[in-house]
Amino acid sequence: MEISYSKVTHSLIGNGGATRLYGEALILDLGGKDTVYILPIQHDPNNSLTQVYEDGVLTSLGIKNSIGSLSEADFATLRDASGRRPFKLKSGRLPVIVSFKSETDPKTIFEIQPGEFGRYFPGVQFTGLDIEITTDRITYKLQERLPWLDTTVAPRKIFPRDPPGVSRPRDELPFSYMITPARFFGDGSR
């Protein structure tokens, strides 16, 4: 993922900040056991799917200010960042991790909690997630791997949905009913 942070001045609400995220979900091959995808979103306690990397990079770099209140020193820390470090969010959550019973059928998507890897992939244990600051180019392999991720197709035709006229509260929706193809990409890549 490539993330850009910028300061917003002279807006109607005063000063603030903005981010732009480019890239796609990470593809993690489990050595012949299967593949998981680490999405650029988190599954928060309100059963919503929200951005994860913009705040997570700040926290992982030890920046305490929020995106809207980044200081010049914070921007310097971002510019000077290098190497690899553990991914941290203030909430302790991680990005959404998913897999498929069959990659050719998006309706078979399921979410994996870090402590459940062994349940789905015997012998595999999730030990943590690191981020690495690099100048390598962004790769675009996800749509080759999952061609049905064409974001011009209505999500209802790709992922399971309730029939028209049925509306459940968000906290009752299964993960597969909330996900859309756009959630596999950074907002700047859509």
N, C-alpha and C. Protein backbone atom coordinates (compact mmCIF):
# COMPACT_ATOMS: atom_id res chain seq x y z
N MET A 1 0.84 -1.18 0.00
CA MET A 1 0.00 0.00 0.00
C MET A 1 0.88 1.24 0.00
N GLU A 2 0.42 2.23 -0.65
CA GLU A 2 1.06 3.53 -0.61
C GLU A 2 0.08 4.50 0.03
N ILE A 3 0.53 5.20 1.06
CA ILE A 3 -0.33 6.14 1.77
C ILE A 3 0.29 7.52 1.69
N SER A 4 -0.51 8.51 1.34
CA SER A 4 -0.03 9.88 1.39
C SER A 4 -0.84 10.63 2.43
N TYR A 5 -0.16 11.44 3.20
CA TYR A 5 -0.78 12.26 4.24
C TYR A 5 -0.58 13.72 3.85
N SER A 6 -1.59 14.52 4.03
CA SER A 6 -1.44 15.95 3.72
C SER A 6 -2.21 16.78 4.74
N LYS A 7 -1.75 17.99 4.92
CA LYS A 7 -2.39 18.95 5.80
C LYS A 7 -3.39 19.75 4.98
N VAL A 8 -4.57 19.95 5.54
CA VAL A 8 -5.60 20.74 4.89
C VAL A 8 -5.73 22.04 5.66
N THR A 9 -5.55 23.15 4.97
CA THR A 9 -5.68 24.46 5.62
C THR A 9 -6.76 25.26 4.93
N HIS A 10 -7.31 26.19 5.64
CA HIS A 10 -8.31 27.12 5.11
C HIS A 10 -9.56 26.42 4.58
N SER A 11 -9.94 25.32 5.22
CA SER A 11 -11.20 24.68 4.83
C SER A 11 -12.32 25.32 5.64
N LEU A 12 -13.54 24.95 5.35
CA LEU A 12 -14.69 25.52 6.07
C LEU A 12 -14.69 25.16 7.55
N ILE A 13 -14.04 24.04 7.89
CA ILE A 13 -14.02 23.63 9.29
C ILE A 13 -12.68 23.93 9.96
N GLY A 14 -11.82 24.68 9.30
CA GLY A 14 -10.52 25.01 9.87
C GLY A 14 -9.44 24.13 9.29
N ASN A 15 -8.39 23.90 10.06
CA ASN A 15 -7.29 23.06 9.59
C ASN A 15 -7.61 21.58 9.86
N GLY A 16 -7.03 20.74 9.07
CA GLY A 16 -7.24 19.31 9.25
C GLY A 16 -6.23 18.54 8.44
N GLY A 17 -6.56 17.32 8.12
CA GLY A 17 -5.66 16.48 7.36
C GLY A 17 -6.42 15.58 6.42
N ALA A 18 -5.72 15.03 5.48
CA ALA A 18 -6.32 14.12 4.50
C ALA A 18 -5.32 13.01 4.18
N THR A 19 -5.85 11.88 3.78
CA THR A 19 -5.01 10.76 3.37
C THR A 19 -5.50 10.24 2.03
N ARG A 20 -4.63 9.53 1.37
CA ARG A 20 -4.98 8.85 0.12
C ARG A 20 -4.24 7.52 0.15
N LEU A 21 -4.96 6.44 -0.07
CA LEU A 21 -4.40 5.10 0.02
C LEU A 21 -4.48 4.45 -1.36
N TYR A 22 -3.34 4.02 -1.88
CA TYR A 22 -3.26 3.36 -3.17
C TYR A 22 -2.77 1.93 -2.97
N GLY A 23 -3.32 1.02 -3.71
CA GLY A 23 -2.86 -0.36 -3.64
C GLY A 23 -4.01 -1.33 -3.49
N GLU A 24 -3.65 -2.54 -3.14
CA GLU A 24 -4.64 -3.61 -3.06
C GLU A 24 -4.37 -4.49 -1.85
N ALA A 25 -5.33 -5.36 -1.55
CA ALA A 25 -5.17 -6.30 -0.44
C ALA A 25 -3.88 -7.10 -0.61
N LEU A 26 -3.30 -7.46 0.51
CA LEU A 26 -2.10 -8.28 0.48
C LEU A 26 -2.49 -9.74 0.26
N ILE A 27 -1.75 -10.42 -0.57
CA ILE A 27 -1.98 -11.84 -0.85
C ILE A 27 -0.95 -12.63 -0.05
N LEU A 28 -1.42 -13.47 0.85
CA LEU A 28 -0.53 -14.27 1.68
C LEU A 28 -0.74 -15.74 1.37
N ASP A 29 0.23 -16.31 0.65
CA ASP A 29 0.18 -17.72 0.29
C ASP A 29 0.68 -18.53 1.48
N LEU A 30 -0.11 -19.48 1.93
CA LEU A 30 0.24 -20.28 3.10
C LEU A 30 0.97 -21.57 2.73
N GLY A 31 1.83 -21.49 1.75
CA GLY A 31 2.68 -22.63 1.39
C GLY A 31 1.93 -23.88 1.00
N GLY A 32 1.00 -23.77 0.07
CA GLY A 32 0.28 -24.94 -0.41
C GLY A 32 -0.95 -25.28 0.40
N LYS A 33 -1.13 -24.68 1.56
CA LYS A 33 -2.31 -24.97 2.38
C LYS A 33 -3.51 -24.16 1.91
N ASP A 34 -3.29 -22.98 1.39
CA ASP A 34 -4.34 -22.11 0.87
C ASP A 34 -3.77 -20.70 0.81
N THR A 35 -4.64 -19.73 0.60
CA THR A 35 -4.24 -18.33 0.51
C THR A 35 -5.19 -17.50 1.35
N VAL A 36 -4.65 -16.51 2.02
CA VAL A 36 -5.48 -15.53 2.72
C VAL A 36 -5.18 -14.15 2.14
N TYR A 37 -6.13 -13.26 2.34
CA TYR A 37 -6.01 -11.89 1.84
C TYR A 37 -6.17 -10.94 3.03
N ILE A 38 -5.23 -10.02 3.16
CA ILE A 38 -5.27 -9.03 4.23
C ILE A 38 -5.76 -7.73 3.60
N LEU A 39 -6.98 -7.34 3.98
CA LEU A 39 -7.64 -6.19 3.36
C LEU A 39 -7.23 -4.88 4.02
N PRO A 40 -7.37 -3.76 3.31
CA PRO A 40 -7.00 -2.46 3.89
C PRO A 40 -8.11 -1.85 4.74
N ILE A 41 -8.85 -2.71 5.44
CA ILE A 41 -9.95 -2.27 6.30
C ILE A 41 -9.87 -3.03 7.61
N GLN A 42 -10.61 -2.55 8.60
CA GLN A 42 -10.76 -3.27 9.86
C GLN A 42 -12.24 -3.51 10.10
N HIS A 43 -12.54 -4.51 10.89
CA HIS A 43 -13.92 -4.84 11.26
C HIS A 43 -14.09 -4.32 12.68
N ASP A 44 -14.74 -3.15 12.82
CA ASP A 44 -14.79 -2.52 14.13
C ASP A 44 -15.94 -3.07 14.99
N PRO A 45 -15.97 -2.71 16.27
CA PRO A 45 -16.98 -3.27 17.18
C PRO A 45 -18.42 -2.94 16.79
N ASN A 46 -18.65 -1.90 15.98
CA ASN A 46 -20.00 -1.56 15.53
C ASN A 46 -20.42 -2.39 14.32
N ASN A 47 -19.64 -3.40 13.99
CA ASN A 47 -19.87 -4.26 12.83
C ASN A 47 -19.80 -3.46 11.53
N SER A 48 -18.92 -2.46 11.52
CA SER A 48 -18.67 -1.66 10.31
C SER A 48 -17.31 -2.03 9.76
N LEU A 49 -17.10 -1.74 8.50
CA LEU A 49 -15.79 -1.93 7.88
C LEU A 49 -15.21 -0.54 7.64
N THR A 50 -14.06 -0.25 8.27
CA THR A 50 -13.46 1.07 8.18
C THR A 50 -11.98 0.96 7.79
N GLN A 51 -11.42 2.07 7.32
CA GLN A 51 -10.01 2.10 6.92
C GLN A 51 -9.12 1.72 8.10
N VAL A 52 -7.99 1.09 7.83
CA VAL A 52 -7.12 0.63 8.90
C VAL A 52 -5.69 1.17 8.79
N TYR A 53 -5.15 1.24 7.57
CA TYR A 53 -3.72 1.54 7.45
C TYR A 53 -3.35 2.98 7.76
N GLU A 54 -4.22 3.94 7.43
CA GLU A 54 -3.86 5.33 7.63
C GLU A 54 -3.53 5.61 9.10
N ASP A 55 -4.40 5.19 10.02
CA ASP A 55 -4.13 5.37 11.44
C ASP A 55 -3.10 4.38 11.95
N GLY A 56 -3.13 3.16 11.41
CA GLY A 56 -2.21 2.13 11.87
C GLY A 56 -0.75 2.46 11.59
N VAL A 57 -0.47 3.09 10.46
CA VAL A 57 0.91 3.48 10.16
C VAL A 57 1.37 4.55 11.16
N LEU A 58 0.49 5.50 11.45
CA LEU A 58 0.86 6.54 12.43
C LEU A 58 1.18 5.92 13.78
N THR A 59 0.31 5.06 14.26
CA THR A 59 0.52 4.41 15.57
C THR A 59 1.77 3.54 15.54
N SER A 60 1.98 2.81 14.45
CA SER A 60 3.16 1.93 14.35
C SER A 60 4.46 2.73 14.36
N LEU A 61 4.42 3.96 13.87
CA LEU A 61 5.60 4.83 13.87
C LEU A 61 5.73 5.64 15.16
N GLY A 62 4.80 5.45 16.09
CA GLY A 62 4.86 6.17 17.36
C GLY A 62 4.29 7.57 17.31
N ILE A 63 3.58 7.90 16.27
CA ILE A 63 2.95 9.23 16.14
C ILE A 63 1.65 9.21 16.91
N LYS A 64 1.50 10.11 17.85
CA LYS A 64 0.33 10.12 18.71
C LYS A 64 -0.80 11.01 18.19
N ASN A 65 -0.47 11.97 17.33
CA ASN A 65 -1.50 12.87 16.79
C ASN A 65 -2.35 12.15 15.75
N SER A 66 -3.58 12.62 15.61
CA SER A 66 -4.47 12.07 14.59
C SER A 66 -4.17 12.70 13.24
N ILE A 67 -4.76 12.17 12.20
CA ILE A 67 -4.52 12.64 10.84
C ILE A 67 -4.81 14.13 10.71
N GLY A 68 -5.85 14.60 11.36
CA GLY A 68 -6.23 16.00 11.27
C GLY A 68 -5.37 16.95 12.06
N SER A 69 -4.50 16.43 12.91
CA SER A 69 -3.67 17.32 13.72
C SER A 69 -2.18 16.96 13.66
N LEU A 70 -1.74 16.42 12.53
CA LEU A 70 -0.32 16.08 12.38
C LEU A 70 0.53 17.35 12.40
N SER A 71 1.61 17.29 13.16
CA SER A 71 2.53 18.43 13.26
C SER A 71 3.64 18.29 12.22
N GLU A 72 4.45 19.33 12.10
CA GLU A 72 5.60 19.27 11.19
C GLU A 72 6.54 18.15 11.61
N ALA A 73 6.70 17.95 12.93
CA ALA A 73 7.55 16.85 13.42
C ALA A 73 6.97 15.50 13.01
N ASP A 74 5.64 15.37 13.04
CA ASP A 74 4.99 14.12 12.62
C ASP A 74 5.24 13.86 11.13
N PHE A 75 5.12 14.92 10.32
CA PHE A 75 5.39 14.76 8.89
C PHE A 75 6.85 14.38 8.66
N ALA A 76 7.76 14.92 9.46
CA ALA A 76 9.18 14.57 9.36
C ALA A 76 9.37 13.09 9.71
N THR A 77 8.68 12.62 10.74
CA THR A 77 8.76 11.21 11.12
C THR A 77 8.28 10.33 9.97
N LEU A 78 7.18 10.73 9.32
CA LEU A 78 6.67 9.97 8.18
C LEU A 78 7.67 9.95 7.03
N ARG A 79 8.26 11.11 6.73
CA ARG A 79 9.23 11.19 5.62
C ARG A 79 10.48 10.36 5.90
N ASP A 80 10.91 10.32 7.16
CA ASP A 80 12.16 9.64 7.52
C ASP A 80 11.97 8.16 7.85
N ALA A 81 10.73 7.69 7.86
CA ALA A 81 10.46 6.30 8.26
C ALA A 81 11.14 5.33 7.30
N SER A 82 11.66 4.26 7.86
CA SER A 82 12.27 3.20 7.05
C SER A 82 12.22 1.90 7.84
N GLY A 83 12.46 0.83 7.13
CA GLY A 83 12.56 -0.47 7.80
C GLY A 83 11.21 -1.12 8.08
N ARG A 84 11.30 -2.12 8.93
CA ARG A 84 10.16 -2.97 9.26
C ARG A 84 9.83 -2.83 10.74
N ARG A 85 8.56 -2.86 11.07
CA ARG A 85 8.13 -2.76 12.46
C ARG A 85 6.77 -3.40 12.65
N PRO A 86 6.41 -3.79 13.87
CA PRO A 86 5.09 -4.38 14.11
C PRO A 86 3.98 -3.38 13.81
N PHE A 87 2.91 -3.87 13.22
CA PHE A 87 1.74 -3.05 12.94
C PHE A 87 0.94 -2.89 14.22
N LYS A 88 0.60 -1.65 14.56
CA LYS A 88 -0.15 -1.38 15.79
C LYS A 88 -1.27 -0.40 15.50
N LEU A 89 -2.41 -0.67 16.09
CA LEU A 89 -3.53 0.27 16.11
C LEU A 89 -3.83 0.58 17.56
N LYS A 90 -4.29 1.78 17.85
CA LYS A 90 -4.64 2.12 19.23
C LYS A 90 -5.65 1.15 19.79
N SER A 91 -6.54 0.67 18.95
CA SER A 91 -7.60 -0.25 19.39
C SER A 91 -7.10 -1.68 19.56
N GLY A 92 -5.92 -1.99 19.03
CA GLY A 92 -5.40 -3.34 19.10
C GLY A 92 -5.92 -4.26 18.00
N ARG A 93 -6.85 -3.77 17.19
CA ARG A 93 -7.38 -4.59 16.10
C ARG A 93 -6.37 -4.67 14.96
N LEU A 94 -6.63 -5.58 14.05
CA LEU A 94 -5.80 -5.77 12.86
C LEU A 94 -6.65 -5.60 11.62
N PRO A 95 -6.03 -5.52 10.46
CA PRO A 95 -6.82 -5.51 9.23
C PRO A 95 -7.64 -6.80 9.11
N VAL A 96 -8.72 -6.71 8.34
CA VAL A 96 -9.56 -7.88 8.08
C VAL A 96 -8.75 -8.90 7.28
N ILE A 97 -8.83 -10.16 7.69
CA ILE A 97 -8.17 -11.26 7.01
C ILE A 97 -9.26 -12.19 6.49
N VAL A 98 -9.23 -12.48 5.19
CA VAL A 98 -10.26 -13.33 4.60
C VAL A 98 -9.63 -14.44 3.77
N SER A 99 -10.45 -15.46 3.51
CA SER A 99 -10.09 -16.51 2.57
C SER A 99 -11.39 -16.95 1.90
N PHE A 100 -11.27 -17.91 1.01
CA PHE A 100 -12.42 -18.41 0.26
C PHE A 100 -12.39 -19.93 0.28
N LYS A 101 -13.56 -20.53 0.39
CA LYS A 101 -13.63 -21.97 0.22
C LYS A 101 -13.26 -22.32 -1.21
N SER A 102 -13.63 -21.42 -2.14
CA SER A 102 -13.24 -21.54 -3.55
C SER A 102 -13.00 -20.14 -4.08
N GLU A 103 -11.78 -19.85 -4.51
CA GLU A 103 -11.46 -18.50 -4.99
C GLU A 103 -12.26 -18.12 -6.24
N THR A 104 -12.79 -19.08 -6.94
CA THR A 104 -13.58 -18.76 -8.13
C THR A 104 -15.02 -18.37 -7.78
N ASP A 105 -15.41 -18.57 -6.52
CA ASP A 105 -16.77 -18.23 -6.08
C ASP A 105 -16.68 -17.24 -4.92
N PRO A 106 -16.86 -15.93 -5.20
CA PRO A 106 -16.73 -14.93 -4.14
C PRO A 106 -17.73 -15.10 -3.00
N LYS A 107 -18.83 -15.78 -3.25
CA LYS A 107 -19.83 -15.98 -2.19
C LYS A 107 -19.32 -16.94 -1.11
N THR A 108 -18.17 -17.57 -1.32
CA THR A 108 -17.61 -18.48 -0.31
C THR A 108 -16.61 -17.77 0.61
N ILE A 109 -16.58 -16.45 0.57
CA ILE A 109 -15.66 -15.68 1.41
C ILE A 109 -15.96 -15.91 2.89
N PHE A 110 -14.93 -15.93 3.71
CA PHE A 110 -15.11 -15.98 5.15
C PHE A 110 -13.96 -15.22 5.81
N GLU A 111 -14.29 -14.61 6.95
CA GLU A 111 -13.31 -13.84 7.72
C GLU A 111 -12.61 -14.76 8.70
N ILE A 112 -11.33 -14.51 8.90
CA ILE A 112 -10.52 -15.32 9.82
C ILE A 112 -9.99 -14.41 10.92
N GLN A 113 -10.25 -14.78 12.15
CA GLN A 113 -9.65 -14.06 13.28
C GLN A 113 -8.24 -14.60 13.46
N PRO A 114 -7.29 -13.75 13.86
CA PRO A 114 -5.89 -14.20 13.96
C PRO A 114 -5.70 -15.48 14.78
N GLY A 115 -6.44 -15.65 15.85
CA GLY A 115 -6.29 -16.84 16.69
C GLY A 115 -6.91 -18.10 16.10
N GLU A 116 -7.61 -17.98 14.96
CA GLU A 116 -8.31 -19.12 14.37
C GLU A 116 -7.60 -19.71 13.15
N PHE A 117 -6.40 -19.28 12.83
CA PHE A 117 -5.73 -19.78 11.63
C PHE A 117 -5.63 -21.30 11.63
N GLY A 118 -5.25 -21.89 12.76
CA GLY A 118 -5.11 -23.34 12.84
C GLY A 118 -6.41 -24.09 12.60
N ARG A 119 -7.53 -23.47 12.92
CA ARG A 119 -8.84 -24.09 12.70
C ARG A 119 -9.11 -24.27 11.21
N TYR A 120 -8.72 -23.28 10.42
CA TYR A 120 -8.97 -23.34 8.97
C TYR A 120 -7.79 -23.92 8.19
N PHE A 121 -6.61 -23.73 8.71
CA PHE A 121 -5.39 -24.18 8.03
C PHE A 121 -4.51 -24.92 9.04
N PRO A 122 -4.73 -26.22 9.20
CA PRO A 122 -3.99 -26.99 10.20
C PRO A 122 -2.47 -26.77 10.10
N GLY A 123 -1.87 -26.52 11.26
CA GLY A 123 -0.43 -26.31 11.31
C GLY A 123 0.00 -24.88 11.10
N VAL A 124 -0.94 -23.99 10.78
CA VAL A 124 -0.61 -22.58 10.55
C VAL A 124 -1.01 -21.77 11.77
N GLN A 125 -0.11 -20.90 12.20
CA GLN A 125 -0.38 -20.04 13.35
C GLN A 125 -0.06 -18.60 12.97
N PHE A 126 -0.95 -17.68 13.29
CA PHE A 126 -0.73 -16.26 13.04
C PHE A 126 0.08 -15.72 14.21
N THR A 127 1.25 -15.13 13.91
CA THR A 127 2.10 -14.63 14.98
C THR A 127 2.18 -13.11 15.03
N GLY A 128 1.69 -12.43 14.02
CA GLY A 128 1.70 -10.98 14.02
C GLY A 128 1.77 -10.42 12.62
N LEU A 129 1.61 -9.12 12.54
CA LEU A 129 1.64 -8.42 11.26
C LEU A 129 2.64 -7.28 11.37
N ASP A 130 3.55 -7.22 10.43
CA ASP A 130 4.52 -6.14 10.37
C ASP A 130 4.23 -5.26 9.16
N ILE A 131 4.66 -4.02 9.26
CA ILE A 131 4.65 -3.15 8.09
C ILE A 131 6.10 -2.88 7.72
N GLU A 132 6.34 -2.65 6.46
CA GLU A 132 7.69 -2.33 6.01
C GLU A 132 7.61 -1.10 5.12
N ILE A 133 8.43 -0.12 5.44
CA ILE A 133 8.51 1.10 4.65
C ILE A 133 9.50 0.82 3.53
N THR A 134 9.06 1.02 2.30
CA THR A 134 9.89 0.67 1.15
C THR A 134 9.63 1.64 0.00
N THR A 135 10.53 1.65 -0.94
CA THR A 135 10.33 2.45 -2.15
C THR A 135 9.93 1.56 -3.33
N ASP A 136 9.68 0.27 -3.05
CA ASP A 136 9.23 -0.64 -4.11
C ASP A 136 7.91 -0.16 -4.70
N ARG A 137 7.71 -0.46 -5.96
CA ARG A 137 6.48 -0.09 -6.64
C ARG A 137 5.31 -0.91 -6.12
N ILE A 138 4.14 -0.34 -6.20
CA ILE A 138 2.91 -1.05 -5.84
C ILE A 138 2.69 -2.15 -6.88
N THR A 139 2.25 -3.31 -6.42
CA THR A 139 1.92 -4.39 -7.36
C THR A 139 0.42 -4.41 -7.61
N TYR A 140 0.06 -4.93 -8.74
CA TYR A 140 -1.35 -5.04 -9.12
C TYR A 140 -1.61 -6.47 -9.58
N LYS A 141 -1.66 -7.39 -8.65
CA LYS A 141 -1.84 -8.81 -8.97
C LYS A 141 -3.20 -9.34 -8.51
N LEU A 142 -3.89 -8.57 -7.71
CA LEU A 142 -5.12 -9.06 -7.10
C LEU A 142 -6.20 -9.39 -8.12
N GLN A 143 -6.43 -8.53 -9.11
CA GLN A 143 -7.48 -8.81 -10.09
C GLN A 143 -7.09 -9.96 -11.02
N GLU A 144 -5.79 -10.20 -11.18
CA GLU A 144 -5.38 -11.39 -11.93
C GLU A 144 -5.77 -12.64 -11.15
N ARG A 145 -5.58 -12.60 -9.85
CA ARG A 145 -5.87 -13.74 -8.97
C ARG A 145 -7.37 -13.92 -8.77
N LEU A 146 -8.10 -12.79 -8.59
CA LEU A 146 -9.54 -12.81 -8.34
C LEU A 146 -10.24 -11.93 -9.39
N PRO A 147 -10.38 -12.43 -10.62
CA PRO A 147 -10.91 -11.60 -11.70
C PRO A 147 -12.33 -11.09 -11.47
N TRP A 148 -13.09 -11.74 -10.62
CA TRP A 148 -14.45 -11.29 -10.33
C TRP A 148 -14.46 -10.01 -9.49
N LEU A 149 -13.31 -9.49 -9.09
CA LEU A 149 -13.24 -8.25 -8.31
C LEU A 149 -13.45 -7.01 -9.17
N ASP A 150 -14.03 -7.17 -10.32
CA ASP A 150 -14.33 -6.03 -11.19
C ASP A 150 -15.29 -5.12 -10.42
N THR A 151 -14.81 -3.94 -10.03
CA THR A 151 -15.59 -3.06 -9.18
C THR A 151 -16.74 -2.37 -9.92
N THR A 152 -16.89 -2.62 -11.21
CA THR A 152 -18.02 -2.03 -11.94
C THR A 152 -19.27 -2.90 -11.84
N VAL A 153 -19.12 -4.11 -11.31
CA VAL A 153 -20.26 -5.02 -11.15
C VAL A 153 -20.90 -4.74 -9.78
N ALA A 154 -22.20 -4.77 -9.72
CA ALA A 154 -22.92 -4.54 -8.47
C ALA A 154 -22.53 -5.60 -7.43
N PRO A 155 -22.21 -5.17 -6.19
CA PRO A 155 -21.82 -6.13 -5.15
C PRO A 155 -22.87 -7.22 -4.93
N ARG A 156 -24.15 -6.91 -5.15
CA ARG A 156 -25.21 -7.90 -4.96
C ARG A 156 -25.00 -9.11 -5.87
N LYS A 157 -24.36 -8.91 -7.00
CA LYS A 157 -24.14 -10.00 -7.94
C LYS A 157 -22.86 -10.78 -7.62
N ILE A 158 -22.02 -10.22 -6.75
CA ILE A 158 -20.75 -10.87 -6.42
C ILE A 158 -20.81 -11.55 -5.07
N PHE A 159 -21.20 -10.81 -4.04
CA PHE A 159 -21.24 -11.33 -2.67
C PHE A 159 -22.69 -11.57 -2.25
N PRO A 160 -22.91 -12.44 -1.26
CA PRO A 160 -24.28 -12.71 -0.82
C PRO A 160 -24.95 -11.45 -0.27
N ARG A 161 -26.23 -11.32 -0.51
CA ARG A 161 -27.02 -10.19 0.00
C ARG A 161 -28.42 -10.69 0.34
N ASP A 162 -29.08 -9.97 1.25
CA ASP A 162 -30.49 -10.26 1.52
C ASP A 162 -31.30 -9.93 0.28
N PRO A 163 -32.44 -10.58 0.11
CA PRO A 163 -33.28 -10.27 -1.06
C PRO A 163 -33.81 -8.84 -0.95
N PRO A 164 -34.19 -8.25 -2.08
CA PRO A 164 -34.75 -6.89 -2.04
C PRO A 164 -35.92 -6.81 -1.06
N GLY A 165 -35.97 -5.71 -0.33
CA GLY A 165 -37.03 -5.51 0.65
C GLY A 165 -36.70 -6.00 2.04
N VAL A 166 -35.65 -6.78 2.18
CA VAL A 166 -35.23 -7.27 3.50
C VAL A 166 -34.07 -6.41 3.97
N SER A 167 -34.21 -5.87 5.15
CA SER A 167 -33.15 -5.02 5.69
C SER A 167 -32.90 -5.38 7.14
N ARG A 168 -31.71 -5.87 7.42
CA ARG A 168 -31.35 -6.23 8.79
C ARG A 168 -30.48 -5.14 9.39
N PRO A 169 -30.51 -4.99 10.71
CA PRO A 169 -29.59 -4.04 11.34
C PRO A 169 -28.15 -4.47 11.08
N ARG A 170 -27.24 -3.51 11.00
CA ARG A 170 -25.84 -3.77 10.70
C ARG A 170 -25.24 -4.81 11.64
N ASP A 171 -25.61 -4.76 12.92
CA ASP A 171 -24.99 -5.69 13.88
C ASP A 171 -25.45 -7.14 13.68
N GLU A 172 -26.45 -7.36 12.83
CA GLU A 172 -26.91 -8.72 12.54
C GLU A 172 -26.38 -9.25 11.20
N LEU A 173 -25.70 -8.40 10.44
CA LEU A 173 -25.22 -8.82 9.13
C LEU A 173 -23.99 -9.70 9.23
N PRO A 174 -23.96 -10.83 8.52
CA PRO A 174 -22.73 -11.61 8.44
C PRO A 174 -21.68 -10.81 7.64
N PHE A 175 -20.43 -11.09 7.88
CA PHE A 175 -19.35 -10.37 7.19
C PHE A 175 -19.54 -10.39 5.68
N SER A 176 -19.90 -11.55 5.13
CA SER A 176 -20.02 -11.68 3.68
C SER A 176 -21.11 -10.78 3.10
N TYR A 177 -22.04 -10.30 3.92
CA TYR A 177 -23.09 -9.41 3.45
C TYR A 177 -22.67 -7.94 3.48
N MET A 178 -21.55 -7.63 4.14
CA MET A 178 -21.08 -6.24 4.23
C MET A 178 -19.97 -5.94 3.22
N ILE A 179 -19.24 -6.95 2.82
CA ILE A 179 -18.05 -6.75 1.98
C ILE A 179 -18.46 -6.37 0.56
N THR A 180 -17.63 -5.56 -0.07
CA THR A 180 -17.81 -5.19 -1.48
C THR A 180 -16.45 -5.34 -2.17
N PRO A 181 -16.41 -5.44 -3.48
CA PRO A 181 -15.12 -5.52 -4.16
C PRO A 181 -14.22 -4.33 -3.86
N ALA A 182 -14.79 -3.15 -3.68
CA ALA A 182 -13.98 -1.95 -3.41
C ALA A 182 -13.18 -2.08 -2.12
N ARG A 183 -13.64 -2.88 -1.17
CA ARG A 183 -12.94 -3.05 0.11
C ARG A 183 -11.61 -3.80 -0.03
N PHE A 184 -11.33 -4.35 -1.20
CA PHE A 184 -10.06 -5.03 -1.45
C PHE A 184 -8.98 -4.05 -1.93
N PHE A 185 -9.35 -2.78 -2.11
CA PHE A 185 -8.43 -1.79 -2.68
C PHE A 185 -8.38 -0.54 -1.81
N GLY A 186 -7.26 0.18 -1.89
CA GLY A 186 -7.16 1.48 -1.25
C GLY A 186 -8.09 2.45 -1.95
N ASP A 187 -8.54 3.48 -1.23
CA ASP A 187 -9.52 4.40 -1.81
C ASP A 187 -9.03 5.11 -3.06
N GLY A 188 -7.74 5.34 -3.19
CA GLY A 188 -7.21 5.97 -4.39
C GLY A 188 -7.13 5.05 -5.60
N SER A 189 -7.31 3.75 -5.37
CA SER A 189 -7.23 2.77 -6.45
C SER A 189 -8.59 2.45 -7.04
N ARG A 190 -9.64 2.96 -6.45
CA ARG A 190 -11.01 2.64 -6.91
C ARG A 190 -11.39 3.49 -8.10
